Amino acid sequence: ADTAGAAEQTAVHVEHQADRLQQGPTENDLDYMTRVVGDCFAKTALVMTNKQVLHMMYEHYNTHAGHALLQQTAVMKRNECVVLDVGGHRGVFTQQVLGLWNCTVHIFEPVGEFVSFLHEKFAREIAHGKVHIHPYGIGTENATLTIYRTGKLGEGATTSVGVAERWGAKVEGMGTETIEVRAVTDVIGNGRFGDIDLLAMNCEGCEYDLLRALVGTDIQLAFRQLYVQFHYTFSDMWESEIERMCKIHGMLQLTHHKMFSYPFVWELWTRKF
């Protein structure tokens, strides 16, 4: 009975917040968001422009935290949970999730080589319905994109041509591939996955546009927790990247608490209800 009552109360909160988002931010919301964005920009810029502080942050995360921090702070259902892994790559994050919780994981990975690798790696979990592989990316709209492959074959990350060129990456000689991207409103916005326990996002730069498409809509309330890695290029566009991230923070703060944040490494947000 207590569980049913809690679920009903959560549903009421979600409906109320959905109405608020549809109406747009109030004057108080805008003031709050402005403070959040300003504070975020000042603190992040300080970290990213101080090499000693930046080095200490990375060292602390890699030595004392890493994905173990997610295990300590994430609130997952005891019996069953639903996780979306956007940018599945070689399945490292999904493997960690399966080792921690009794979750069903939906992996979104558009690169053919990685899709084949994931099918082989999680063959048993796929057969038991614990892992589902979706061979496409998620974006703001339905599209086909050309992506560049970076690093060694089978290991490197990927990024779109437009992002690579904007970042000033050297793309000559890199392998390319055409991938499918589906609109987030079609993939998540239709309630297909119900109440998503954890939305993990590590998609080599797509997170900015993707989250901008999510925040301020009902989809912002569809995930109980967001585990995201914002990407930083150390180029002359660093102010723009920090500003984009902090504006997303401002919108997320209306519905989610920031549990921890290592700027441009990993951060975790948990819904307030």
Protein backbone atom coordinates (compact mmCIF):
# COMPACT_ATOMS: atom_id res chain seq x y z
CA ALA A 1 0.00 0.00 0.00
CA ASP A 2 2.83 2.37 0.88
CA THR A 3 4.51 1.64 -2.45
CA ALA A 4 1.29 2.26 -4.36
CA GLY A 5 0.74 5.51 -2.47
CA ALA A 6 4.27 6.69 -3.21
CA ALA A 7 3.85 5.86 -6.89
CA GLU A 8 0.57 7.76 -7.01
CA GLN A 9 2.14 10.77 -5.32
CA THR A 10 5.04 10.71 -7.79
CA ALA A 11 2.59 10.58 -10.70
CA VAL A 12 0.80 13.66 -9.32
CA HIS A 13 4.12 15.53 -9.01
CA VAL A 14 5.09 14.56 -12.56
CA GLU A 15 1.74 15.75 -13.93
CA HIS A 16 2.04 19.04 -12.03
CA GLN A 17 5.59 19.64 -13.27
CA ALA A 18 4.58 18.74 -16.82
CA ASP A 19 1.91 21.45 -16.68
CA ARG A 20 4.52 23.93 -15.43
CA LEU A 21 6.91 23.08 -18.24
CA GLN A 22 4.19 23.46 -20.85
CA GLN A 23 3.28 26.89 -19.49
CA GLY A 24 6.91 28.00 -19.64
CA PRO A 25 9.16 29.23 -16.82
CA THR A 26 7.72 31.77 -14.38
CA GLU A 27 9.52 34.98 -13.45
CA ASN A 28 10.83 33.27 -10.31
CA ASP A 29 12.01 30.32 -12.43
CA LEU A 30 13.85 32.68 -14.77
CA ASP A 31 15.55 34.45 -11.85
CA TYR A 32 16.58 31.10 -10.39
CA MET A 33 17.83 29.81 -13.75
CA THR A 34 19.85 33.00 -14.27
CA ARG A 35 21.58 32.51 -10.91
CA VAL A 36 22.24 28.83 -11.65
CA VAL A 37 23.70 29.57 -15.09
CA GLY A 38 25.87 32.41 -13.79
CA ASP A 39 27.19 30.35 -10.88
CA CYS A 40 27.81 27.35 -13.15
CA PHE A 41 29.72 29.44 -15.71
CA ALA A 42 31.92 31.15 -13.12
CA LYS A 43 32.86 27.93 -11.33
CA THR A 44 33.38 25.88 -14.50
CA ALA A 45 35.43 28.56 -16.22
CA LEU A 46 37.65 28.79 -13.13
CA VAL A 47 38.28 25.03 -13.22
CA MET A 48 38.82 24.79 -16.97
CA THR A 49 41.29 27.70 -17.10
CA ASN A 50 43.41 26.55 -14.16
CA LYS A 51 45.56 23.61 -15.22
CA GLN A 52 46.47 22.66 -11.64
CA VAL A 53 42.82 22.58 -10.52
CA LEU A 54 41.86 20.73 -13.69
CA HIS A 55 44.53 18.11 -13.13
CA MET A 56 43.47 17.64 -9.49
CA MET A 57 39.84 17.21 -10.55
CA TYR A 58 40.68 14.52 -13.10
CA GLU A 59 42.98 12.75 -10.66
CA HIS A 60 40.33 12.74 -7.94
CA TYR A 61 37.67 11.41 -10.28
CA ASN A 62 39.85 8.67 -11.72
CA THR A 63 41.38 7.65 -8.39
CA HIS A 64 38.53 7.96 -5.92
CA ALA A 65 35.32 8.16 -7.87
CA GLY A 66 34.78 7.09 -11.43
CA HIS A 67 31.68 5.01 -12.06
CA ALA A 68 31.84 3.87 -8.41
CA LEU A 69 30.39 7.27 -7.54
CA LEU A 70 27.32 6.40 -9.59
CA GLN A 71 26.87 3.21 -7.56
CA GLN A 72 26.95 5.21 -4.32
CA THR A 73 24.56 7.97 -5.35
CA ALA A 74 22.15 6.54 -7.94
CA VAL A 75 18.74 5.56 -6.63
CA MET A 76 17.67 2.42 -8.48
CA LYS A 77 14.65 0.18 -8.03
CA ARG A 78 15.38 -2.99 -6.08
CA ASN A 79 13.54 -5.43 -8.30
CA GLU A 80 13.82 -4.03 -11.79
CA CYS A 81 14.98 -0.86 -13.51
CA VAL A 82 15.13 0.57 -17.02
CA VAL A 83 18.33 2.17 -18.31
CA LEU A 84 18.93 3.92 -21.63
CA ASP A 85 22.57 3.98 -22.73
CA VAL A 86 22.91 6.62 -25.46
CA GLY A 87 26.25 6.14 -27.19
CA GLY A 88 26.80 2.50 -26.24
CA HIS A 89 30.18 2.20 -27.98
CA ARG A 90 31.69 -1.09 -26.77
CA GLY A 91 29.26 -1.67 -23.92
CA VAL A 92 31.51 -0.80 -20.98
CA PHE A 93 28.86 1.25 -19.19
CA THR A 94 26.10 -1.28 -19.86
CA GLN A 95 28.29 -4.05 -18.46
CA GLN A 96 28.81 -2.04 -15.28
CA VAL A 97 25.08 -1.43 -14.91
CA LEU A 98 24.29 -5.13 -15.34
CA GLY A 99 26.83 -5.94 -12.66
CA LEU A 100 25.27 -3.49 -10.19
CA TRP A 101 21.52 -3.73 -10.63
CA ASN A 102 18.78 -5.92 -12.07
CA CYS A 103 18.16 -3.59 -14.98
CA THR A 104 16.92 -3.88 -18.53
CA VAL A 105 19.25 -1.82 -20.70
CA HIS A 106 18.44 -0.26 -24.05
CA ILE A 107 21.63 0.59 -25.95
CA PHE A 108 21.55 3.20 -28.70
CA GLU A 109 24.60 2.86 -30.95
CA PRO A 110 24.59 3.88 -34.64
CA VAL A 111 28.05 2.66 -35.72
CA GLY A 112 27.85 -0.68 -37.52
CA GLU A 113 31.07 -2.14 -36.14
CA PHE A 114 30.08 -1.38 -32.56
CA VAL A 115 26.57 -2.74 -33.11
CA SER A 116 28.02 -6.07 -34.25
CA PHE A 117 30.41 -6.10 -31.29
CA LEU A 118 27.56 -5.40 -28.84
CA HIS A 119 25.40 -8.20 -30.27
CA GLU A 120 28.25 -10.63 -29.70
CA LYS A 121 29.22 -9.29 -26.28
CA PHE A 122 25.69 -9.35 -24.85
CA ALA A 123 24.33 -12.37 -26.74
CA ARG A 124 23.15 -14.10 -23.56
CA GLU A 125 21.60 -10.95 -22.08
CA ILE A 126 19.84 -10.23 -25.38
CA ALA A 127 18.42 -13.76 -25.42
CA HIS A 128 17.04 -13.23 -21.91
CA GLY A 129 15.56 -9.82 -22.74
CA LYS A 130 17.90 -7.87 -20.45
CA VAL A 131 19.68 -5.97 -23.24
CA HIS A 132 18.11 -4.44 -26.33
CA ILE A 133 20.30 -2.91 -29.02
CA HIS A 134 18.94 -0.10 -31.16
CA PRO A 135 21.22 0.46 -34.20
CA TYR A 136 20.71 4.19 -34.52
CA GLY A 137 21.56 7.41 -32.74
CA ILE A 138 19.19 9.84 -31.05
CA GLY A 139 19.04 13.46 -32.11
CA THR A 140 16.80 16.45 -32.48
CA GLU A 141 15.26 15.15 -35.72
CA ASN A 142 15.24 12.18 -38.06
CA ALA A 143 18.35 12.35 -40.24
CA THR A 144 21.31 10.57 -41.74
CA LEU A 145 24.73 11.85 -40.73
CA THR A 146 28.28 11.25 -41.82
CA ILE A 147 30.55 10.60 -38.87
CA TYR A 148 34.30 10.46 -38.52
CA ARG A 149 36.08 7.65 -36.74
CA THR A 150 38.82 8.71 -34.34
CA GLY A 151 41.44 6.51 -32.73
CA LYS A 152 42.25 2.93 -33.65
CA LEU A 153 39.70 0.81 -35.45
CA GLY A 154 37.41 -0.83 -32.93
CA GLU A 155 38.47 1.47 -30.11
CA GLY A 156 38.05 5.08 -31.15
CA ALA A 157 35.07 7.27 -30.53
CA THR A 158 33.06 8.88 -33.27
CA THR A 159 31.81 12.35 -34.01
CA SER A 160 29.80 13.97 -36.76
CA VAL A 161 31.53 15.77 -39.61
CA GLY A 162 29.99 19.08 -38.57
CA VAL A 163 31.14 18.74 -34.96
CA ALA A 164 34.63 17.66 -35.98
CA GLU A 165 35.03 20.58 -38.34
CA ARG A 166 33.67 23.01 -35.76
CA TRP A 167 36.16 21.73 -33.23
CA GLY A 168 38.98 22.07 -35.74
CA ALA A 169 39.77 18.37 -35.68
CA LYS A 170 42.11 16.98 -38.30
CA VAL A 171 39.80 14.78 -40.31
CA GLU A 172 41.89 13.91 -43.35
CA GLY A 173 42.47 10.19 -43.52
CA MET A 174 39.88 9.33 -40.90
CA GLY A 175 37.33 6.70 -41.79
CA THR A 176 33.76 7.85 -42.34
CA GLU A 177 30.40 6.15 -42.01
CA THR A 178 26.81 7.17 -42.70
CA ILE A 179 24.55 6.56 -39.72
CA GLU A 180 20.86 6.83 -38.92
CA VAL A 181 19.61 9.26 -36.29
CA ARG A 182 16.05 9.29 -34.97
CA ALA A 183 14.26 12.19 -33.29
CA VAL A 184 14.25 12.01 -29.50
CA THR A 185 10.57 12.95 -29.45
CA ASP A 186 9.83 9.76 -31.41
CA VAL A 187 12.17 7.53 -29.43
CA ILE A 188 11.55 8.67 -25.84
CA GLY A 189 8.72 11.19 -26.04
CA ASN A 190 6.03 8.64 -26.78
CA GLY A 191 6.29 6.99 -23.36
CA ARG A 192 7.70 3.86 -24.97
CA PHE A 193 10.03 3.14 -22.03
CA GLY A 194 7.73 4.32 -19.25
CA ASP A 195 9.46 5.89 -16.27
CA ILE A 196 13.14 5.71 -17.19
CA ASP A 197 15.29 5.04 -14.12
CA LEU A 198 18.57 6.17 -15.66
CA LEU A 199 19.34 7.97 -18.91
CA ALA A 200 23.08 7.71 -19.60
CA MET A 201 24.51 9.91 -22.32
CA ASN A 202 28.04 9.75 -23.73
CA CYS A 203 27.66 10.55 -27.41
CA GLU A 204 30.72 12.63 -28.34
CA GLY A 205 29.13 16.07 -28.53
CA CYS A 206 25.53 15.20 -29.37
CA GLU A 207 24.51 15.79 -25.75
CA TYR A 208 24.21 19.58 -26.18
CA ASP A 209 21.56 19.57 -28.90
CA LEU A 210 19.90 16.45 -27.52
CA LEU A 211 19.45 17.85 -24.03
CA ARG A 212 18.37 21.22 -25.37
CA ALA A 213 15.62 19.34 -27.21
CA LEU A 214 14.64 17.52 -23.99
CA VAL A 215 14.63 20.27 -21.39
CA GLY A 216 11.47 22.31 -21.11
CA THR A 217 9.34 19.44 -22.44
CA ASP A 218 7.50 16.49 -20.92
CA ILE A 219 10.52 14.34 -21.79
CA GLN A 220 12.49 16.17 -19.10
CA LEU A 221 10.27 14.38 -16.59
CA ALA A 222 10.56 10.97 -18.27
CA PHE A 223 13.90 10.11 -16.64
CA ARG A 224 14.41 9.79 -12.91
CA GLN A 225 18.16 10.19 -13.27
CA LEU A 226 20.51 11.59 -15.89
CA TYR A 227 24.14 10.51 -16.09
CA VAL A 228 25.85 12.63 -18.72
CA GLN A 229 29.31 13.44 -20.01
CA PHE A 230 29.53 16.85 -21.64
CA HIS A 231 32.39 17.08 -24.12
CA TYR A 232 34.96 19.86 -24.11
CA THR A 233 37.39 20.53 -26.94
CA PHE A 234 39.95 22.86 -25.34
CA SER A 235 39.55 25.03 -28.44
CA ASP A 236 38.92 28.78 -28.69
CA MET A 237 35.23 27.95 -28.36
CA TRP A 238 35.50 26.92 -24.70
CA GLU A 239 33.32 29.81 -23.46
CA SER A 240 30.54 28.79 -25.83
CA GLU A 241 30.68 25.17 -24.68
CA ILE A 242 30.57 26.12 -21.00
CA GLU A 243 27.68 28.49 -21.64
CA ARG A 244 25.69 25.81 -23.49
CA MET A 245 26.25 23.31 -20.69
CA CYS A 246 25.31 25.83 -17.99
CA LYS A 247 22.10 26.84 -19.76
CA ILE A 248 21.10 23.17 -19.76
CA HIS A 249 21.96 23.06 -16.04
CA GLY A 250 19.61 26.00 -15.50
CA MET A 251 16.67 24.14 -17.03
CA LEU A 252 17.50 20.81 -15.36
CA GLN A 253 17.59 22.47 -11.92
CA LEU A 254 13.85 23.12 -12.17
CA THR A 255 13.07 19.39 -11.99
CA HIS A 256 16.29 17.62 -10.91
CA HIS A 257 18.93 17.84 -8.18
CA LYS A 258 22.60 17.75 -9.18
CA MET A 259 24.07 14.86 -7.18
CA PHE A 260 27.65 15.36 -8.34
CA SER A 261 29.46 17.11 -11.14
CA TYR A 262 32.97 16.78 -12.50
CA PRO A 263 32.83 19.37 -15.31
CA PHE A 264 33.22 17.74 -18.71
CA VAL A 265 33.87 14.35 -17.12
CA TRP A 266 30.63 12.95 -15.63
CA GLU A 267 27.70 14.36 -13.70
CA LEU A 268 24.54 12.85 -12.19
CA TRP A 269 21.12 14.47 -11.86
CA THR A 270 18.22 12.98 -9.88
CA ARG A 271 14.57 13.99 -10.24
CA LYS A 272 13.21 15.92 -7.24
CA PHE A 273 10.23 13.61 -6.74
